[in-house]
PDB file of N, CA and C in Angstrom:
ATOM      1  N   MET A   1      -5.667  19.322  17.380  1.00  0.00           N
ATOM      2  CA  MET A   1      -5.185  17.827  18.083  1.00  0.00           C
ATOM      3  C   MET A   1      -5.622  17.293  18.954  1.00  0.00           C
ATOM      4  N   ARG A   2      -5.465  18.614  19.931  1.00  0.00           N
ATOM      5  CA  ARG A   2      -6.080  18.735  21.500  1.00  0.00           C
ATOM      6  C   ARG A   2      -7.698  18.280  21.373  1.00  0.00           C
ATOM      7  N   TYR A   3      -8.277  18.667  20.581  1.00  0.00           N
ATOM      8  CA  TYR A   3      -9.835  18.687  20.431  1.00  0.00           C
ATOM      9  C   TYR A   3     -10.843  18.233  19.940  1.00  0.00           C
ATOM     10  N   CYS A   4      -9.665  17.524  18.394  1.00  0.00           N
ATOM     11  CA  CYS A   4     -10.337  16.827  17.495  1.00  0.00           C
ATOM     12  C   CYS A   4     -11.209  15.431  17.821  1.00  0.00           C
ATOM     13  N   ASN A   5     -12.166  14.677  17.563  1.00  0.00           N
ATOM     14  CA  ASN A   5     -13.065  13.665  18.078  1.00  0.00           C
ATOM     15  C   ASN A   5     -12.142  12.496  17.784  1.00  0.00           C
ATOM     16  N   HIS A   6     -11.429  11.833  18.660  1.00  0.00           N
ATOM     17  CA  HIS A   6     -10.544  10.915  18.340  1.00  0.00           C
ATOM     18  C   HIS A   6     -11.312   9.765  18.116  1.00  0.00           C
ATOM     19  N   LYS A   7     -12.896   9.604  18.314  1.00  0.00           N
ATOM     20  CA  LYS A   7     -13.339   8.650  18.119  1.00  0.00           C
ATOM     21  C   LYS A   7     -13.626   8.479  16.550  1.00  0.00           C
ATOM     22  N   GLN A   8     -13.868   9.783  15.555  1.00  0.00           N
ATOM     23  CA  GLN A   8     -13.736   9.614  14.634  1.00  0.00           C
ATOM     24  C   GLN A   8     -12.650  10.157  13.605  1.00  0.00           C
ATOM     25  N   PHE A   9     -11.311   9.772  13.976  1.00  0.00           N
ATOM     26  CA  PHE A   9     -10.353  11.003  13.469  1.00  0.00           C
ATOM     27  C   PHE A   9      -8.981   9.802  14.263  1.00  0.00           C
ATOM     28  N   GLU A  10      -8.072   9.253  13.184  1.00  0.00           N
ATOM     29  CA  GLU A  10      -6.760   8.996  13.884  1.00  0.00           C
ATOM     30  C   GLU A  10      -5.717  10.163  13.726  1.00  0.00           C
ATOM     31  N   VAL A  11      -4.787  10.291  14.262  1.00  0.00           N
ATOM     32  CA  VAL A  11      -4.036  11.694  13.919  1.00  0.00           C
ATOM     33  C   VAL A  11      -2.371  10.899  13.952  1.00  0.00           C
ATOM     34  N   TYR A  12      -2.308  10.864  13.018  1.00  0.00           N
ATOM     35  CA  TYR A  12      -0.524  10.214  13.165  1.00  0.00           C
ATOM     36  C   TYR A  12       0.911  11.534  12.987  1.00  0.00           C
ATOM     37  N   CYS A  13       1.263  11.742  14.031  1.00  0.00           N
ATOM     38  CA  CYS A  13       2.223  12.651  13.393  1.00  0.00           C
ATOM     39  C   CYS A  13       3.827  12.549  14.055  1.00  0.00           C
ATOM     40  N   TYR A  14       4.726  13.258  12.806  1.00  0.00           N
ATOM     41  CA  TYR A  14       6.132  12.565  12.335  1.00  0.00           C
ATOM     42  C   TYR A  14       6.829  13.368  12.695  1.00  0.00           C
ATOM     43  N   TYR A  15       7.648  12.805  13.732  1.00  0.00           N
ATOM     44  CA  TYR A  15       8.606  14.028  14.364  1.00  0.00           C
ATOM     45  C   TYR A  15      10.025  13.971  13.779  1.00  0.00           C
ATOM     46  N   THR A  16      10.687  14.657  13.052  1.00  0.00           N
ATOM     47  CA  THR A  16      11.854  14.283  12.207  1.00  0.00           C
ATOM     48  C   THR A  16      13.382  14.697  12.885  1.00  0.00           C
ATOM     49  N   GLY A  17      13.052  15.296  14.285  1.00  0.00           N
ATOM     50  CA  GLY A  17      13.880  16.193  15.020  1.00  0.00           C
ATOM     51  C   GLY A  17      15.041  15.078  15.715  1.00  0.00           C
ATOM     52  N   ASN A  18      15.781  15.781  16.598  1.00  0.00           N
ATOM     53  CA  ASN A  18      16.633  15.114  17.561  1.00  0.00           C
ATOM     54  C   ASN A  18      16.107  15.120  19.091  1.00  0.00           C
ATOM     55  N   ASP A  19      15.615  17.138  18.950  1.00  0.00           N
ATOM     56  CA  ASP A  19      15.869  17.453  20.072  1.00  0.00           C
ATOM     57  C   ASP A  19      14.177  17.791  20.903  1.00  0.00           C
ATOM     58  N   PRO A  20      14.139  16.804  21.259  1.00  0.00           N
ATOM     59  CA  PRO A  20      11.977  16.917  21.416  1.00  0.00           C
ATOM     60  C   PRO A  20      12.690  17.941  22.286  1.00  0.00           C
ATOM     61  N   ASP A  21      10.939  19.182  22.429  1.00  0.00           N
ATOM     62  CA  ASP A  21      10.902  19.879  23.452  1.00  0.00           C
ATOM     63  C   ASP A  21       9.131  19.892  23.802  1.00  0.00           C
ATOM     64  N   PRO A  22       8.908  21.060  24.801  1.00  0.00           N
ATOM     65  CA  PRO A  22       7.331  20.249  25.018  1.00  0.00           C
ATOM     66  C   PRO A  22       6.516  20.868  23.934  1.00  0.00           C
ATOM     67  N   VAL A  23       7.003  21.218  23.086  1.00  0.00           N
ATOM     68  CA  VAL A  23       5.798  21.556  22.201  1.00  0.00           C
ATOM     69  C   VAL A  23       5.627  19.974  21.432  1.00  0.00           C
ATOM     70  N   THR A  24       6.859  19.313  20.946  1.00  0.00           N
ATOM     71  CA  THR A  24       6.978  18.140  20.534  1.00  0.00           C
ATOM     72  C   THR A  24       6.004  16.862  21.325  1.00  0.00           C
ATOM     73  N   GLU A  25       6.308  17.132  22.649  1.00  0.00           N
ATOM     74  CA  GLU A  25       5.807  15.918  23.943  1.00  0.00           C
ATOM     75  C   GLU A  25       3.969  16.438  23.999  1.00  0.00           C
ATOM     76  N   GLN A  26       3.497  17.789  23.771  1.00  0.00           N
ATOM     77  CA  GLN A  26       1.789  17.892  22.977  1.00  0.00           C
ATOM     78  C   GLN A  26       1.471  17.111  22.165  1.00  0.00           C
ATOM     79  N   PHE A  27       2.353  17.541  20.853  1.00  0.00           N
ATOM     80  CA  PHE A  27       1.679  16.306  19.930  1.00  0.00           C
ATOM     81  C   PHE A  27       1.839  15.066  20.067  1.00  0.00           C
ATOM     82  N   ARG A  28       2.875  14.110  20.674  1.00  0.00           N
ATOM     83  CA  ARG A  28       2.932  13.036  21.163  1.00  0.00           C
ATOM     84  C   ARG A  28       1.678  12.728  21.528  1.00  0.00           C
ATOM     85  N   GLN A  29       1.755  13.869  22.954  1.00  0.00           N
ATOM     86  CA  GLN A  29       0.167  13.327  23.984  1.00  0.00           C
ATOM     87  C   GLN A  29      -1.094  13.258  23.119  1.00  0.00           C
ATOM     88  N   TYR A  30      -1.394  14.419  22.315  1.00  0.00           N
ATOM     89  CA  TYR A  30      -2.596  14.283  21.506  1.00  0.00           C
ATOM     90  C   TYR A  30      -2.550  13.217  20.145  1.00  0.00           C
ATOM     91  N   SER A  31      -1.733  12.598  19.755  1.00  0.00           N
ATOM     92  CA  SER A  31      -1.613  12.082  18.539  1.00  0.00           C
ATOM     93  C   SER A  31      -2.002  10.790  18.900  1.00  0.00           C
ATOM     94  N   THR A  32      -2.790   9.917  18.222  1.00  0.00           N
ATOM     95  CA  THR A  32      -3.012   8.443  17.580  1.00  0.00           C
ATOM     96  C   THR A  32      -1.694   7.452  17.995  1.00  0.00           C
ATOM     97  N   GLU A  33      -0.926   8.318  16.608  1.00  0.00           N
ATOM     98  CA  GLU A  33       0.265   7.307  17.094  1.00  0.00           C
ATOM     99  C   GLU A  33       1.348   8.382  16.551  1.00  0.00           C
ATOM    100  N   PHE A  34       2.560   8.756  17.169  1.00  0.00           N
ATOM    101  CA  PHE A  34       3.618   9.449  17.274  1.00  0.00           C
ATOM    102  C   PHE A  34       4.826   8.626  16.966  1.00  0.00           C
ATOM    103  N   ARG A  35       5.726   9.417  15.082  1.00  0.00           N
ATOM    104  CA  ARG A  35       6.441   8.430  14.890  1.00  0.00           C
ATOM    105  C   ARG A  35       7.751   9.730  15.068  1.00  0.00           C
ATOM    106  N   ASP A  36       8.659   8.688  15.988  1.00  0.00           N
ATOM    107  CA  ASP A  36       9.970   9.399  15.596  1.00  0.00           C
ATOM    108  C   ASP A  36      10.904   9.125  14.867  1.00  0.00           C
ATOM    109  N   ILE A  37      11.066   9.970  13.637  1.00  0.00           N
ATOM    110  CA  ILE A  37      12.090   9.164  13.498  1.00  0.00           C
ATOM    111  C   ILE A  37      13.081  10.490  12.161  1.00  0.00           C
ATOM    112  N   PRO A  38      14.391  10.431  13.122  1.00  0.00           N
ATOM    113  CA  PRO A  38      14.881  11.794  13.026  1.00  0.00           C
ATOM    114  C   PRO A  38      15.947  12.153  11.883  1.00  0.00           C
ATOM    115  N   HIS A  39      15.830  12.969  11.023  1.00  0.00           N
ATOM    116  CA  HIS A  39      16.847  13.123  10.088  1.00  0.00           C
ATOM    117  C   HIS A  39      16.878  11.927   9.043  1.00  0.00           C
ATOM    118  N   ASN A  40      16.037  11.481   9.034  1.00  0.00           N
ATOM    119  CA  ASN A  40      15.663   9.935   7.471  1.00  0.00           C
ATOM    120  C   ASN A  40      14.513  10.585   6.844  1.00  0.00           C
ATOM    121  N   LEU A  41      14.686  11.408   5.883  1.00  0.00           N
ATOM    122  CA  LEU A  41      13.307  11.994   5.085  1.00  0.00           C
ATOM    123  C   LEU A  41      12.369  10.364   3.979  1.00  0.00           C
ATOM    124  N   GLU A  42      13.158   9.802   3.533  1.00  0.00           N
ATOM    125  CA  GLU A  42      13.226   8.494   2.790  1.00  0.00           C
ATOM    126  C   GLU A  42      12.348   7.593   4.145  1.00  0.00           C
ATOM    127  N   ALA A  43      12.776   7.393   5.304  1.00  0.00           N
ATOM    128  CA  ALA A  43      12.154   6.420   6.482  1.00  0.00           C
ATOM    129  C   ALA A  43      10.991   6.922   7.032  1.00  0.00           C
ATOM    130  N   VAL A  44      10.790   9.028   6.485  1.00  0.00           N
ATOM    131  CA  VAL A  44       9.510   9.202   6.775  1.00  0.00           C
ATOM    132  C   VAL A  44       8.457   8.499   5.879  1.00  0.00           C
ATOM    133  N   CYS A  45       9.078   8.771   4.714  1.00  0.00           N
ATOM    134  CA  CYS A  45       7.905   8.851   3.443  1.00  0.00           C
ATOM    135  C   CYS A  45       7.461   7.540   3.817  1.00  0.00           C
ATOM    136  N   GLN A  46       8.012   6.518   3.919  1.00  0.00           N
ATOM    137  CA  GLN A  46       8.078   4.977   3.613  1.00  0.00           C
ATOM    138  C   GLN A  46       6.844   4.805   5.023  1.00  0.00           C
ATOM    139  N   GLN A  47       7.401   5.264   6.043  1.00  0.00           N
ATOM    140  CA  GLN A  47       6.375   5.391   7.352  1.00  0.00           C
ATOM    141  C   GLN A  47       5.147   5.330   6.896  1.00  0.00           C
ATOM    142  N   ILE A  48       4.871   6.853   6.060  1.00  0.00           N
ATOM    143  CA  ILE A  48       3.606   7.533   6.080  1.00  0.00           C
ATOM    144  C   ILE A  48       2.951   6.373   4.949  1.00  0.00           C
ATOM    145  N   ILE A  49       3.674   5.872   4.161  1.00  0.00           N
ATOM    146  CA  ILE A  49       3.315   5.153   3.104  1.00  0.00           C
ATOM    147  C   ILE A  49       2.694   3.883   4.263  1.00  0.00           C
ATOM    148  N   ASP A  50       3.122   3.406   4.621  1.00  0.00           N
ATOM    149  CA  ASP A  50       3.249   2.283   5.505  1.00  0.00           C
ATOM    150  C   ASP A  50       1.991   2.255   6.295  1.00  0.00           C
ATOM    151  N   ASP A  51       1.837   3.458   6.987  1.00  0.00           N
ATOM    152  CA  ASP A  51       0.533   3.968   8.099  1.00  0.00           C
ATOM    153  C   ASP A  51      -0.278   4.221   7.578  1.00  0.00           C
ATOM    154  N   LYS A  52      -0.599   4.383   5.844  1.00  0.00           N
ATOM    155  CA  LYS A  52      -1.761   4.760   4.846  1.00  0.00           C
ATOM    156  C   LYS A  52      -2.467   3.001   4.921  1.00  0.00           C
ATOM    157  N   THR A  53      -1.972   2.435   4.864  1.00  0.00           N
ATOM    158  CA  THR A  53      -2.197   0.984   4.664  1.00  0.00           C
ATOM    159  C   THR A  53      -2.880   0.022   5.753  1.00  0.00           C
ATOM    160  N   ILE A  54      -2.233   0.859   6.724  1.00  0.00           N
ATOM    161  CA  ILE A  54      -3.255   0.261   8.102  1.00  0.00           C
ATOM    162  C   ILE A  54      -5.034   0.352   8.354  1.00  0.00           C
TER     163      ILE A  54
END
């Protein structure tokens, strides 16, 4: 994700945990959109659908 061409690609990440760590923060840093939706699979699925329509 760090090296992808962010002018050509949007990077969406979905975090479903409760305890962010340094790797989580790297994903946040290199994402175009970072969604923090802890322990709620239905909400994550709906967010992915919603993001698809943006």
